[in-house]
Amino acid sequence: MTMSRGPTPLPGQEHRSGAAASAATSGTAYGLERLGRSWTWLMGSAVATLVPGVLILVWPEATLHVLAVLVGLYLLVNGAFRFVAVFGREEHGERLPGLLLAVLYVLAGVLCLRNPLQTITVLSLVTGVVWLVSGILTLYTAIVATDLPHRGVVLGAAMLGIVAGIVVLALPMESARALTRLLGLWLVLLGLAETAVALAWRAVLRKTHTAGSHAPSEAA
C-alpha cells in the first residue's frame, strides 16, 4: 500500500525553505560562536571544575563509586563547555585541538559513569590522561595562537594541567581516600586557574568594548 507524501512543493517554496534552513543553521553557529567567546561561559566551565573539587574535599569519606560518579559528571559537563568554546576560536587551526579535547572529556566521562565500580587504578589512569592531554593541547594552542590575550595566564593553566596529569599518573594510589584528596585538590587548583583565565578574558572584552565605544567620538 502506497502512502501519500502530501502535495509537491512549488519551486519557490523549496527555495524559501532551503534559505530558511540555511539561515537557521548560520544563526545557530553564530549563537554558539558568541556563547563560546563569552567570558561567562569560561567562568561556567571553571565553576563546573571547582564544585566537584570542593565536594570531594569536604566529603573525604566518599566511596569509590561516588567519586567515580562525581568525576564522570565533571568530565561530561566540561566536555560540553569545551565543545561550545571551540566555536569561539577565530582560526580553524585553533579549533581542532579544542574539538579533540572536548571529545576526550566526553569519552572519559562516559567511561567513568558506565562503570563506576572500577578500580582506583583505572580511575587514576582516566583522570591523569585527560589532564595531561588537556594541558598539552592547551599549551599548544597558547603557543601557536596569534594575538592571544594574557598568554601567560593560559600558559600557566596549561602547565598546571600537565603537572596534575603527571602527578596523578605517577603517584600510586593505594586507597580511595588518598585518591579522593588528590583529585579534589587538583580539581580546585585547576578550577582556580580556569577562573583566572575567565577573568583575564573579561578584562580583554571590556577593554575592546571601551575602545570601540570611544572610536566614533574620536573620529567626529
N, C-alpha and C. Protein backbone atom coordinates (compact mmCIF):
# COMPACT_ATOMS: atom_id res chain seq x y z
N MET A 1 0.85 -1.19 0.00
CA MET A 1 0.00 0.00 0.00
C MET A 1 0.88 1.24 0.00
N THR A 2 0.63 2.13 -0.91
CA THR A 2 1.45 3.34 -1.07
C THR A 2 0.86 4.47 -0.26
N MET A 3 1.73 5.09 0.56
CA MET A 3 1.31 6.20 1.39
C MET A 3 1.53 7.50 0.66
N SER A 4 0.60 8.42 0.77
CA SER A 4 0.73 9.73 0.15
C SER A 4 1.71 10.59 0.93
N ARG A 5 2.58 11.27 0.22
CA ARG A 5 3.58 12.13 0.84
C ARG A 5 3.13 13.59 0.89
N GLY A 6 1.88 13.85 0.53
CA GLY A 6 1.40 15.22 0.60
C GLY A 6 1.64 15.95 -0.71
N PRO A 7 1.19 17.17 -0.80
CA PRO A 7 1.34 17.94 -2.03
C PRO A 7 2.79 18.26 -2.32
N THR A 8 3.15 18.25 -3.58
CA THR A 8 4.51 18.58 -4.01
C THR A 8 4.75 20.07 -3.88
N PRO A 9 5.79 20.49 -3.20
CA PRO A 9 6.03 21.92 -3.01
C PRO A 9 6.43 22.58 -4.32
N LEU A 10 6.06 23.82 -4.46
CA LEU A 10 6.42 24.58 -5.64
C LEU A 10 7.90 24.93 -5.60
N PRO A 11 8.51 25.23 -6.75
CA PRO A 11 9.94 25.58 -6.78
C PRO A 11 10.27 26.75 -5.86
N GLY A 12 9.42 27.74 -5.85
CA GLY A 12 9.68 28.88 -4.98
C GLY A 12 9.63 28.52 -3.51
N GLN A 13 8.72 27.58 -3.17
CA GLN A 13 8.63 27.15 -1.79
C GLN A 13 9.87 26.39 -1.37
N GLU A 14 10.42 25.54 -2.29
CA GLU A 14 11.65 24.82 -1.97
C GLU A 14 12.80 25.79 -1.74
N HIS A 15 12.87 26.85 -2.56
CA HIS A 15 13.94 27.83 -2.39
C HIS A 15 13.82 28.54 -1.07
N ARG A 16 12.57 28.92 -0.69
CA ARG A 16 12.38 29.62 0.57
C ARG A 16 12.68 28.72 1.75
N SER A 17 12.26 27.45 1.65
CA SER A 17 12.54 26.53 2.77
C SER A 17 14.03 26.28 2.90
N GLY A 18 14.75 26.17 1.76
CA GLY A 18 16.19 25.99 1.83
C GLY A 18 16.88 27.20 2.41
N ALA A 19 16.42 28.39 2.03
CA ALA A 19 17.01 29.61 2.58
C ALA A 19 16.73 29.71 4.08
N ALA A 20 15.53 29.30 4.49
CA ALA A 20 15.21 29.36 5.92
C ALA A 20 16.07 28.38 6.70
N ALA A 21 16.29 27.17 6.14
CA ALA A 21 17.13 26.19 6.83
C ALA A 21 18.56 26.70 6.93
N SER A 22 19.05 27.32 5.84
CA SER A 22 20.41 27.86 5.86
C SER A 22 20.54 28.98 6.88
N ALA A 23 19.52 29.84 6.96
CA ALA A 23 19.56 30.93 7.93
C ALA A 23 19.52 30.40 9.36
N ALA A 24 18.72 29.33 9.57
CA ALA A 24 18.66 28.75 10.92
C ALA A 24 19.99 28.15 11.31
N THR A 25 20.65 27.47 10.34
CA THR A 25 21.95 26.86 10.63
C THR A 25 23.00 27.92 10.94
N SER A 26 23.04 28.99 10.10
CA SER A 26 24.01 30.05 10.35
C SER A 26 23.71 30.78 11.65
N GLY A 27 22.41 30.92 11.97
CA GLY A 27 22.06 31.57 13.24
C GLY A 27 22.51 30.75 14.43
N THR A 28 22.38 29.42 14.34
CA THR A 28 22.85 28.55 15.42
C THR A 28 24.35 28.63 15.58
N ALA A 29 25.07 28.61 14.45
CA ALA A 29 26.53 28.71 14.51
C ALA A 29 26.97 30.05 15.09
N TYR A 30 26.27 31.11 14.73
CA TYR A 30 26.61 32.43 15.26
C TYR A 30 26.35 32.49 16.76
N GLY A 31 25.22 31.88 17.18
CA GLY A 31 24.93 31.86 18.61
C GLY A 31 25.96 31.08 19.40
N LEU A 32 26.39 29.93 18.87
CA LEU A 32 27.42 29.15 19.53
C LEU A 32 28.75 29.90 19.56
N GLU A 33 29.03 30.64 18.49
CA GLU A 33 30.28 31.41 18.44
C GLU A 33 30.28 32.50 19.50
N ARG A 34 29.17 33.23 19.62
CA ARG A 34 29.08 34.29 20.64
C ARG A 34 29.15 33.70 22.04
N LEU A 35 28.48 32.56 22.23
CA LEU A 35 28.50 31.92 23.55
C LEU A 35 29.89 31.43 23.89
N GLY A 36 30.60 30.86 22.90
CA GLY A 36 31.94 30.35 23.15
C GLY A 36 32.95 31.43 23.44
N ARG A 37 32.71 32.65 22.93
CA ARG A 37 33.62 33.77 23.18
C ARG A 37 33.24 34.57 24.41
N SER A 38 32.19 34.17 25.10
CA SER A 38 31.75 34.89 26.29
C SER A 38 32.60 34.50 27.49
N TRP A 39 32.96 35.47 28.30
CA TRP A 39 33.75 35.17 29.49
C TRP A 39 32.91 34.44 30.54
N THR A 40 31.61 34.66 30.51
CA THR A 40 30.75 33.95 31.45
C THR A 40 30.71 32.45 31.16
N TRP A 41 30.85 32.09 29.89
CA TRP A 41 30.90 30.67 29.53
C TRP A 41 32.18 30.03 30.08
N LEU A 42 33.29 30.76 29.98
CA LEU A 42 34.54 30.28 30.57
C LEU A 42 34.43 30.18 32.09
N MET A 43 33.75 31.15 32.69
CA MET A 43 33.56 31.11 34.13
C MET A 43 32.68 29.93 34.53
N GLY A 44 31.70 29.63 33.71
CA GLY A 44 30.86 28.46 33.97
C GLY A 44 31.66 27.17 33.95
N SER A 45 32.60 27.07 33.02
CA SER A 45 33.47 25.90 32.97
C SER A 45 34.35 25.82 34.21
N ALA A 46 34.82 26.98 34.68
CA ALA A 46 35.63 27.00 35.91
C ALA A 46 34.81 26.55 37.12
N VAL A 47 33.57 27.02 37.21
CA VAL A 47 32.70 26.62 38.32
C VAL A 47 32.41 25.12 38.26
N ALA A 48 32.24 24.60 37.03
CA ALA A 48 31.99 23.17 36.87
C ALA A 48 33.20 22.33 37.28
N THR A 49 34.36 22.94 37.33
CA THR A 49 35.55 22.24 37.82
C THR A 49 35.71 22.43 39.32
N LEU A 50 35.41 23.63 39.80
CA LEU A 50 35.58 23.92 41.23
C LEU A 50 34.59 23.15 42.11
N VAL A 51 33.34 23.09 41.70
CA VAL A 51 32.30 22.49 42.54
C VAL A 51 32.60 21.02 42.86
N PRO A 52 32.92 20.17 41.85
CA PRO A 52 33.26 18.79 42.22
C PRO A 52 34.49 18.71 43.12
N GLY A 53 35.48 19.58 42.88
CA GLY A 53 36.66 19.56 43.73
C GLY A 53 36.36 19.87 45.18
N VAL A 54 35.52 20.91 45.39
CA VAL A 54 35.14 21.27 46.76
C VAL A 54 34.32 20.15 47.40
N LEU A 55 33.39 19.56 46.64
CA LEU A 55 32.58 18.47 47.19
C LEU A 55 33.45 17.29 47.58
N ILE A 56 34.43 16.98 46.76
CA ILE A 56 35.31 15.85 47.07
C ILE A 56 36.15 16.13 48.31
N LEU A 57 36.63 17.38 48.45
CA LEU A 57 37.47 17.71 49.59
C LEU A 57 36.69 17.74 50.90
N VAL A 58 35.46 18.25 50.86
CA VAL A 58 34.67 18.33 52.10
C VAL A 58 33.98 17.01 52.42
N TRP A 59 34.06 16.06 51.49
CA TRP A 59 33.45 14.75 51.70
C TRP A 59 34.49 13.66 51.47
N PRO A 60 35.53 13.62 52.29
CA PRO A 60 36.63 12.67 52.07
C PRO A 60 36.22 11.22 52.30
N GLU A 61 35.09 11.00 52.99
CA GLU A 61 34.65 9.63 53.22
C GLU A 61 33.87 9.05 52.06
N ALA A 62 33.81 9.78 50.94
CA ALA A 62 33.06 9.30 49.79
C ALA A 62 33.65 7.98 49.29
N THR A 63 32.76 7.08 48.91
CA THR A 63 33.20 5.80 48.39
C THR A 63 33.75 5.97 46.98
N LEU A 64 34.39 4.92 46.49
CA LEU A 64 34.93 4.96 45.13
C LEU A 64 33.82 5.12 44.10
N HIS A 65 32.65 4.55 44.39
CA HIS A 65 31.50 4.69 43.48
C HIS A 65 31.08 6.15 43.36
N VAL A 66 30.95 6.84 44.49
CA VAL A 66 30.57 8.26 44.47
C VAL A 66 31.65 9.09 43.79
N LEU A 67 32.90 8.78 44.06
CA LEU A 67 34.00 9.52 43.45
C LEU A 67 33.98 9.37 41.93
N ALA A 68 33.73 8.16 41.45
CA ALA A 68 33.69 7.93 40.00
C ALA A 68 32.53 8.69 39.36
N VAL A 69 31.39 8.74 40.05
CA VAL A 69 30.24 9.48 39.51
C VAL A 69 30.53 10.97 39.44
N LEU A 70 31.12 11.53 40.51
CA LEU A 70 31.45 12.95 40.52
C LEU A 70 32.46 13.29 39.42
N VAL A 71 33.49 12.48 39.29
CA VAL A 71 34.50 12.72 38.26
C VAL A 71 33.88 12.57 36.87
N GLY A 72 33.02 11.57 36.68
CA GLY A 72 32.38 11.38 35.39
C GLY A 72 31.50 12.55 35.00
N LEU A 73 30.71 13.06 35.95
CA LEU A 73 29.88 14.23 35.68
C LEU A 73 30.74 15.46 35.37
N TYR A 74 31.82 15.63 36.12
CA TYR A 74 32.74 16.74 35.86
C TYR A 74 33.29 16.67 34.44
N LEU A 75 33.69 15.49 34.00
CA LEU A 75 34.26 15.34 32.66
C LEU A 75 33.20 15.60 31.58
N LEU A 76 31.99 15.09 31.79
CA LEU A 76 30.93 15.31 30.80
C LEU A 76 30.57 16.78 30.67
N VAL A 77 30.36 17.44 31.80
CA VAL A 77 29.98 18.86 31.77
C VAL A 77 31.09 19.70 31.15
N ASN A 78 32.34 19.44 31.52
CA ASN A 78 33.43 20.21 30.96
C ASN A 78 33.61 19.91 29.48
N GLY A 79 33.31 18.69 29.07
CA GLY A 79 33.36 18.39 27.65
C GLY A 79 32.36 19.22 26.85
N ALA A 80 31.15 19.39 27.41
CA ALA A 80 30.15 20.23 26.76
C ALA A 80 30.60 21.69 26.71
N PHE A 81 31.15 22.19 27.82
CA PHE A 81 31.65 23.57 27.84
C PHE A 81 32.75 23.77 26.80
N ARG A 82 33.67 22.82 26.72
CA ARG A 82 34.79 22.96 25.79
C ARG A 82 34.34 22.83 24.34
N PHE A 83 33.30 22.03 24.09
CA PHE A 83 32.79 21.90 22.72
C PHE A 83 32.22 23.22 22.23
N VAL A 84 31.44 23.88 23.07
CA VAL A 84 30.88 25.17 22.67
C VAL A 84 31.99 26.21 22.55
N ALA A 85 33.00 26.15 23.43
CA ALA A 85 34.09 27.12 23.37
C ALA A 85 34.89 27.01 22.07
N VAL A 86 34.83 25.84 21.42
CA VAL A 86 35.54 25.66 20.14
C VAL A 86 35.02 26.66 19.10
N PHE A 87 33.72 26.94 19.12
CA PHE A 87 33.14 27.84 18.13
C PHE A 87 33.59 29.28 18.35
N GLY A 88 34.14 29.59 19.52
CA GLY A 88 34.63 30.93 19.78
C GLY A 88 36.02 31.17 19.22
N ARG A 89 36.69 30.13 18.72
CA ARG A 89 38.02 30.31 18.14
C ARG A 89 37.88 30.87 16.73
N GLU A 90 38.65 31.91 16.44
CA GLU A 90 38.54 32.56 15.14
C GLU A 90 39.24 31.75 14.05
N GLU A 91 40.39 31.18 14.33
CA GLU A 91 41.15 30.44 13.35
C GLU A 91 40.79 28.96 13.44
N HIS A 92 40.60 28.32 12.25
CA HIS A 92 40.22 26.92 12.23
C HIS A 92 41.34 26.03 12.77
N GLY A 93 42.59 26.47 12.65
CA GLY A 93 43.69 25.69 13.18
C GLY A 93 43.66 25.58 14.69
N GLU A 94 43.01 26.54 15.35
CA GLU A 94 42.89 26.51 16.80
C GLU A 94 41.69 25.68 17.26
N ARG A 95 40.78 25.36 16.34
CA ARG A 95 39.58 24.64 16.73
C ARG A 95 39.82 23.14 16.87
N LEU A 96 40.72 22.59 16.09
CA LEU A 96 40.94 21.15 16.12
C LEU A 96 41.41 20.66 17.50
N PRO A 97 42.42 21.29 18.12
CA PRO A 97 42.80 20.83 19.47
C PRO A 97 41.65 20.93 20.47
N GLY A 98 40.88 22.01 20.38
CA GLY A 98 39.74 22.16 21.29
C GLY A 98 38.68 21.10 21.07
N LEU A 99 38.43 20.76 19.80
CA LEU A 99 37.45 19.72 19.49
C LEU A 99 37.91 18.36 19.98
N LEU A 100 39.18 18.05 19.75
CA LEU A 100 39.73 16.78 20.24
C LEU A 100 39.65 16.70 21.76
N LEU A 101 39.90 17.82 22.41
CA LEU A 101 39.85 17.85 23.87
C LEU A 101 38.42 17.64 24.37
N ALA A 102 37.45 18.27 23.71
CA ALA A 102 36.05 18.09 24.12
C ALA A 102 35.62 16.64 23.96
N VAL A 103 36.01 16.01 22.86
CA VAL A 103 35.67 14.60 22.64
C VAL A 103 36.33 13.72 23.70
N LEU A 104 37.58 14.02 24.05
CA LEU A 104 38.29 13.25 25.07
C LEU A 104 37.58 13.35 26.42
N TYR A 105 37.15 14.55 26.79
CA TYR A 105 36.45 14.74 28.06
C TYR A 105 35.14 13.94 28.08
N VAL A 106 34.39 14.00 27.00
CA VAL A 106 33.10 13.30 26.96
C VAL A 106 33.31 11.79 27.03
N LEU A 107 34.26 11.27 26.26
CA LEU A 107 34.52 9.82 26.28
C LEU A 107 34.98 9.36 27.66
N ALA A 108 35.85 10.14 28.29
CA ALA A 108 36.32 9.78 29.63
C ALA A 108 35.18 9.84 30.64
N GLY A 109 34.30 10.85 30.51
CA GLY A 109 33.15 10.94 31.41
C GLY A 109 32.21 9.76 31.26
N VAL A 110 31.95 9.36 30.01
CA VAL A 110 31.09 8.19 29.76
C VAL A 110 31.73 6.93 30.34
N LEU A 111 33.04 6.81 30.21
CA LEU A 111 33.74 5.64 30.76
C LEU A 111 33.61 5.56 32.27
N CYS A 112 33.73 6.72 32.94
CA CYS A 112 33.61 6.73 34.40
C CYS A 112 32.19 6.42 34.85
N LEU A 113 31.19 6.95 34.14
CA LEU A 113 29.80 6.74 34.54
C LEU A 113 29.28 5.36 34.14
N ARG A 114 29.85 4.81 33.10
CA ARG A 114 29.37 3.50 32.64
C ARG A 114 29.74 2.39 33.62
N ASN A 115 30.91 2.51 34.22
CA ASN A 115 31.37 1.50 35.17
C ASN A 115 31.93 2.18 36.41
N PRO A 116 31.05 2.73 37.26
CA PRO A 116 31.53 3.49 38.43
C PRO A 116 32.19 2.61 39.49
N LEU A 117 32.06 1.30 39.42
CA LEU A 117 32.65 0.42 40.40
C LEU A 117 34.04 -0.07 39.96
N GLN A 118 34.69 0.70 39.12
CA GLN A 118 36.00 0.31 38.64
C GLN A 118 37.05 0.51 39.75
N THR A 119 38.26 0.04 39.46
CA THR A 119 39.31 0.09 40.47
C THR A 119 39.90 1.49 40.58
N ILE A 120 40.64 1.72 41.63
CA ILE A 120 41.29 3.01 41.84
C ILE A 120 42.29 3.28 40.73
N THR A 121 42.98 2.23 40.28
CA THR A 121 43.99 2.39 39.23
C THR A 121 43.38 2.90 37.94
N VAL A 122 42.23 2.35 37.57
CA VAL A 122 41.56 2.78 36.33
C VAL A 122 41.12 4.23 36.43
N LEU A 123 40.52 4.61 37.56
CA LEU A 123 40.05 5.99 37.72
C LEU A 123 41.22 6.97 37.70
N SER A 124 42.33 6.60 38.34
CA SER A 124 43.52 7.45 38.31
C SER A 124 44.05 7.58 36.89
N LEU A 125 44.05 6.47 36.15
CA LEU A 125 44.55 6.49 34.78
C LEU A 125 43.71 7.39 33.89
N VAL A 126 42.37 7.29 34.02
CA VAL A 126 41.48 8.09 33.17
C VAL A 126 41.67 9.58 33.44
N THR A 127 41.60 9.98 34.70
CA THR A 127 41.73 11.41 35.02
C THR A 127 43.14 11.93 34.72
N GLY A 128 44.15 11.12 35.00
CA GLY A 128 45.53 11.56 34.72
C GLY A 128 45.77 11.78 33.24
N VAL A 129 45.29 10.86 32.40
CA VAL A 129 45.47 11.01 30.95
C VAL A 129 44.72 12.22 30.43
N VAL A 130 43.49 12.41 30.91
CA VAL A 130 42.69 13.56 30.46
C VAL A 130 43.38 14.86 30.81
N TRP A 131 43.85 15.00 32.05
CA TRP A 131 44.51 16.25 32.46
C TRP A 131 45.82 16.45 31.71
N LEU A 132 46.58 15.39 31.49
CA LEU A 132 47.85 15.52 30.78
C LEU A 132 47.63 15.94 29.33
N VAL A 133 46.73 15.26 28.63
CA VAL A 133 46.44 15.62 27.24
C VAL A 133 45.83 17.01 27.16
N SER A 134 44.95 17.34 28.10
CA SER A 134 44.35 18.68 28.13
C SER A 134 45.41 19.75 28.28
N GLY A 135 46.35 19.53 29.20
CA GLY A 135 47.42 20.52 29.38
C GLY A 135 48.29 20.66 28.15
N ILE A 136 48.61 19.54 27.49
CA ILE A 136 49.46 19.59 26.30
C ILE A 136 48.76 20.33 25.16
N LEU A 137 47.48 20.02 24.93
CA LEU A 137 46.75 20.69 23.85
C LEU A 137 46.54 22.17 24.15
N THR A 138 46.28 22.50 25.41
CA THR A 138 46.14 23.92 25.79
C THR A 138 47.46 24.64 25.61
N LEU A 139 48.55 23.99 25.96
CA LEU A 139 49.88 24.58 25.77
C LEU A 139 50.16 24.81 24.29
N TYR A 140 49.80 23.86 23.47
CA TYR A 140 49.98 24.01 22.02
C TYR A 140 49.17 25.18 21.49
N THR A 141 47.92 25.28 21.92
CA THR A 141 47.07 26.38 21.47
C THR A 141 47.62 27.72 21.93
N ALA A 142 48.11 27.79 23.16
CA ALA A 142 48.66 29.05 23.69
C ALA A 142 49.91 29.47 22.93
N ILE A 143 50.66 28.51 22.40
CA ILE A 143 51.90 28.84 21.68
C ILE A 143 51.62 29.28 20.26
N VAL A 144 50.73 28.56 19.56
CA VAL A 144 50.52 28.82 18.13
C VAL A 144 49.46 29.88 17.87
N ALA A 145 48.60 30.17 18.86
CA ALA A 145 47.53 31.15 18.63
C ALA A 145 48.11 32.54 18.45
N THR A 146 47.58 33.25 17.47
CA THR A 146 48.02 34.61 17.21
C THR A 146 47.15 35.60 18.00
N ASP A 147 47.79 36.65 18.50
CA ASP A 147 47.08 37.70 19.24
C ASP A 147 46.28 37.13 20.41
N LEU A 148 46.88 36.21 21.14
CA LEU A 148 46.20 35.63 22.31
C LEU A 148 46.39 36.54 23.51
N PRO A 149 45.31 37.11 24.06
CA PRO A 149 45.46 37.99 25.22
C PRO A 149 45.79 37.19 26.47
N HIS A 150 46.61 37.80 27.32
CA HIS A 150 47.00 37.17 28.58
C HIS A 150 47.54 35.76 28.33
N ARG A 151 48.49 35.67 27.42
CA ARG A 151 49.07 34.37 27.06
C ARG A 151 49.70 33.69 28.27
N GLY A 152 50.29 34.49 29.16
CA GLY A 152 50.93 33.92 30.33
C GLY A 152 49.96 33.18 31.24
N VAL A 153 48.73 33.71 31.38
CA VAL A 153 47.73 33.05 32.22
C VAL A 153 47.34 31.71 31.63
N VAL A 154 47.15 31.68 30.30
CA VAL A 154 46.78 30.43 29.62
C VAL A 154 47.92 29.42 29.72
N LEU A 155 49.16 29.89 29.54
CA LEU A 155 50.31 29.00 29.67
C LEU A 155 50.40 28.43 31.08
N GLY A 156 50.13 29.27 32.08
CA GLY A 156 50.16 28.78 33.46
C GLY A 156 49.11 27.71 33.71
N ALA A 157 47.89 27.91 33.18
CA ALA A 157 46.83 26.91 33.33
C ALA A 157 47.19 25.62 32.61
N ALA A 158 47.84 25.74 31.44
CA ALA A 158 48.25 24.55 30.70
C ALA A 158 49.31 23.76 31.47
N MET A 159 50.29 24.46 32.01
CA MET A 159 51.34 23.79 32.77
C MET A 159 50.78 23.12 34.03
N LEU A 160 49.79 23.77 34.65
CA LEU A 160 49.16 23.18 35.83
C LEU A 160 48.45 21.88 35.47
N GLY A 161 47.79 21.86 34.33
CA GLY A 161 47.12 20.65 33.88
C GLY A 161 48.11 19.53 33.60
N ILE A 162 49.24 19.88 32.98
CA ILE A 162 50.27 18.87 32.70
C ILE A 162 50.82 18.29 34.00
N VAL A 163 51.12 19.16 34.95
CA VAL A 163 51.65 18.70 36.24
C VAL A 163 50.62 17.83 36.96
N ALA A 164 49.35 18.24 36.92
CA ALA A 164 48.30 17.45 37.58
C ALA A 164 48.21 16.06 36.97
N GLY A 165 48.26 15.97 35.65
CA GLY A 165 48.20 14.67 35.00
C GLY A 165 49.39 13.79 35.35
N ILE A 166 50.57 14.39 35.36
CA ILE A 166 51.78 13.61 35.69
C ILE A 166 51.73 13.12 37.13
N VAL A 167 51.30 13.99 38.05
CA VAL A 167 51.25 13.60 39.47
C VAL A 167 50.26 12.46 39.69
N VAL A 168 49.08 12.57 39.10
CA VAL A 168 48.06 11.53 39.29
C VAL A 168 48.51 10.21 38.67
N LEU A 169 49.21 10.28 37.53
CA LEU A 169 49.67 9.05 36.88
C LEU A 169 50.88 8.44 37.58
N ALA A 170 51.72 9.29 38.16
CA ALA A 170 52.98 8.80 38.73
C ALA A 170 52.82 8.27 40.14
N LEU A 171 51.98 8.93 40.96
CA LEU A 171 51.86 8.51 42.35
C LEU A 171 50.92 7.31 42.47
N PRO A 172 51.37 6.25 43.10
CA PRO A 172 50.48 5.08 43.28
C PRO A 172 49.42 5.37 44.33
N MET A 173 48.16 5.09 43.97
CA MET A 173 47.05 5.30 44.89
C MET A 173 46.64 3.95 45.48
N GLU A 174 46.84 3.79 46.77
CA GLU A 174 46.52 2.53 47.42
C GLU A 174 45.16 2.53 48.10
N SER A 175 44.54 3.69 48.23
CA SER A 175 43.23 3.75 48.89
C SER A 175 42.37 4.80 48.22
N ALA A 176 41.05 4.63 48.38
CA ALA A 176 40.12 5.59 47.80
C ALA A 176 40.25 6.96 48.47
N ARG A 177 40.57 6.97 49.78
CA ARG A 177 40.72 8.24 50.49
C ARG A 177 41.88 9.06 49.93
N ALA A 178 43.01 8.41 49.65
CA ALA A 178 44.16 9.13 49.09
C ALA A 178 43.83 9.68 47.71
N LEU A 179 43.16 8.87 46.88
CA LEU A 179 42.78 9.34 45.55
C LEU A 179 41.78 10.48 45.65
N THR A 180 40.86 10.40 46.61
CA THR A 180 39.85 11.45 46.78
C THR A 180 40.51 12.79 47.10
N ARG A 181 41.43 12.78 48.03
CA ARG A 181 42.10 14.02 48.41
C ARG A 181 42.91 14.59 47.25
N LEU A 182 43.61 13.72 46.53
CA LEU A 182 44.45 14.20 45.43
C LEU A 182 43.60 14.79 44.31
N LEU A 183 42.55 14.08 43.90
CA LEU A 183 41.70 14.59 42.82
C LEU A 183 40.98 15.86 43.24
N GLY A 184 40.50 15.90 44.48
CA GLY A 184 39.83 17.11 44.96
C GLY A 184 40.75 18.31 44.95
N LEU A 185 41.99 18.11 45.41
CA LEU A 185 42.95 19.21 45.43
C LEU A 185 43.25 19.73 44.04
N TRP A 186 43.48 18.81 43.10
CA TRP A 186 43.82 19.25 41.75
C TRP A 186 42.62 19.87 41.03
N LEU A 187 41.42 19.37 41.32
CA LEU A 187 40.23 19.98 40.71
C LEU A 187 40.07 21.43 41.17
N VAL A 188 40.31 21.68 42.46
CA VAL A 188 40.21 23.04 42.97
C VAL A 188 41.28 23.93 42.33
N LEU A 189 42.52 23.43 42.23
CA LEU A 189 43.60 24.22 41.63
C LEU A 189 43.31 24.51 40.16
N LEU A 190 42.84 23.50 39.43
CA LEU A 190 42.52 23.72 38.01
C LEU A 190 41.32 24.66 37.86
N GLY A 191 40.34 24.56 38.77
CA GLY A 191 39.21 25.48 38.72
C GLY A 191 39.62 26.92 38.96
N LEU A 192 40.55 27.13 39.91
CA LEU A 192 41.06 28.48 40.16
C LEU A 192 41.83 29.00 38.95
N ALA A 193 42.60 28.13 38.29
CA ALA A 193 43.33 28.55 37.09
C ALA A 193 42.36 28.93 35.97
N GLU A 194 41.30 28.16 35.80
CA GLU A 194 40.30 28.48 34.77
C GLU A 194 39.56 29.78 35.13
N THR A 195 39.36 30.02 36.41
CA THR A 195 38.75 31.28 36.84
C THR A 195 39.63 32.47 36.47
N ALA A 196 40.94 32.32 36.65
CA ALA A 196 41.86 33.39 36.27
C ALA A 196 41.82 33.64 34.77
N VAL A 197 41.72 32.58 33.98
CA VAL A 197 41.62 32.74 32.52
C VAL A 197 40.33 33.46 32.16
N ALA A 198 39.21 33.09 32.80
CA ALA A 198 37.92 33.74 32.51
C ALA A 198 37.95 35.22 32.87
N LEU A 199 38.53 35.56 34.02
CA LEU A 199 38.60 36.96 34.43
C LEU A 199 39.53 37.75 33.50
N ALA A 200 40.61 37.12 33.05
CA ALA A 200 41.50 37.79 32.10
C ALA A 200 40.78 38.05 30.78
N TRP A 201 39.98 37.10 30.34
CA TRP A 201 39.22 37.27 29.10
C TRP A 201 38.16 38.36 29.26
N ARG A 202 37.56 38.46 30.45
CA ARG A 202 36.59 39.54 30.70
C ARG A 202 37.26 40.90 30.60
N ALA A 203 38.47 41.02 31.14
CA ALA A 203 39.19 42.29 31.06
C ALA A 203 39.48 42.67 29.61
N VAL A 204 39.82 41.66 28.79
CA VAL A 204 40.09 41.94 27.37
C VAL A 204 38.82 42.40 26.67
N LEU A 205 37.70 41.73 26.93
CA LEU A 205 36.44 42.10 26.29
C LEU A 205 36.00 43.50 26.70
N ARG A 206 36.17 43.85 27.97
CA ARG A 206 35.79 45.20 28.42
C ARG A 206 36.69 46.25 27.78
N LYS A 207 37.97 45.95 27.66
CA LYS A 207 38.89 46.89 27.03
C LYS A 207 38.54 47.10 25.57
N THR A 208 38.20 46.01 24.88
CA THR A 208 37.81 46.11 23.47
C THR A 208 36.52 46.89 23.32
N HIS A 209 35.55 46.64 24.21
CA HIS A 209 34.27 47.35 24.14
C HIS A 209 34.46 48.84 24.41
N THR A 210 35.32 49.18 25.36
CA THR A 210 35.57 50.59 25.67
C THR A 210 36.24 51.29 24.51
N ALA A 211 37.21 50.62 23.88
CA ALA A 211 37.90 51.20 22.72
C ALA A 211 36.94 51.40 21.56
N GLY A 212 36.02 50.44 21.36
CA GLY A 212 35.06 50.57 20.27
C GLY A 212 34.06 51.68 20.51
N SER A 213 33.67 51.91 21.77
CA SER A 213 32.70 52.98 22.06
C SER A 213 33.31 54.34 21.94
N HIS A 214 34.64 54.47 22.13
CA HIS A 214 35.29 55.76 22.03
C HIS A 214 35.70 56.09 20.60
N ALA A 215 35.72 55.10 19.73
CA ALA A 215 36.21 55.33 18.36
C ALA A 215 35.33 56.32 17.59
N PRO A 216 33.98 56.23 17.60
CA PRO A 216 33.17 57.20 16.84
C PRO A 216 33.35 58.64 17.32
N SER A 217 33.45 58.83 18.64
CA SER A 217 33.57 60.18 19.16
C SER A 217 34.91 60.78 18.74
N GLU A 218 35.98 59.95 18.72
CA GLU A 218 37.26 60.47 18.30
C GLU A 218 37.26 60.81 16.81
N ALA A 219 36.56 60.00 16.01
CA ALA A 219 36.52 60.27 14.57
C ALA A 219 35.75 61.54 14.30
N ALA A 220 34.71 61.82 15.12
CA ALA A 220 33.93 63.03 14.94
C ALA A 220 34.75 64.25 15.30
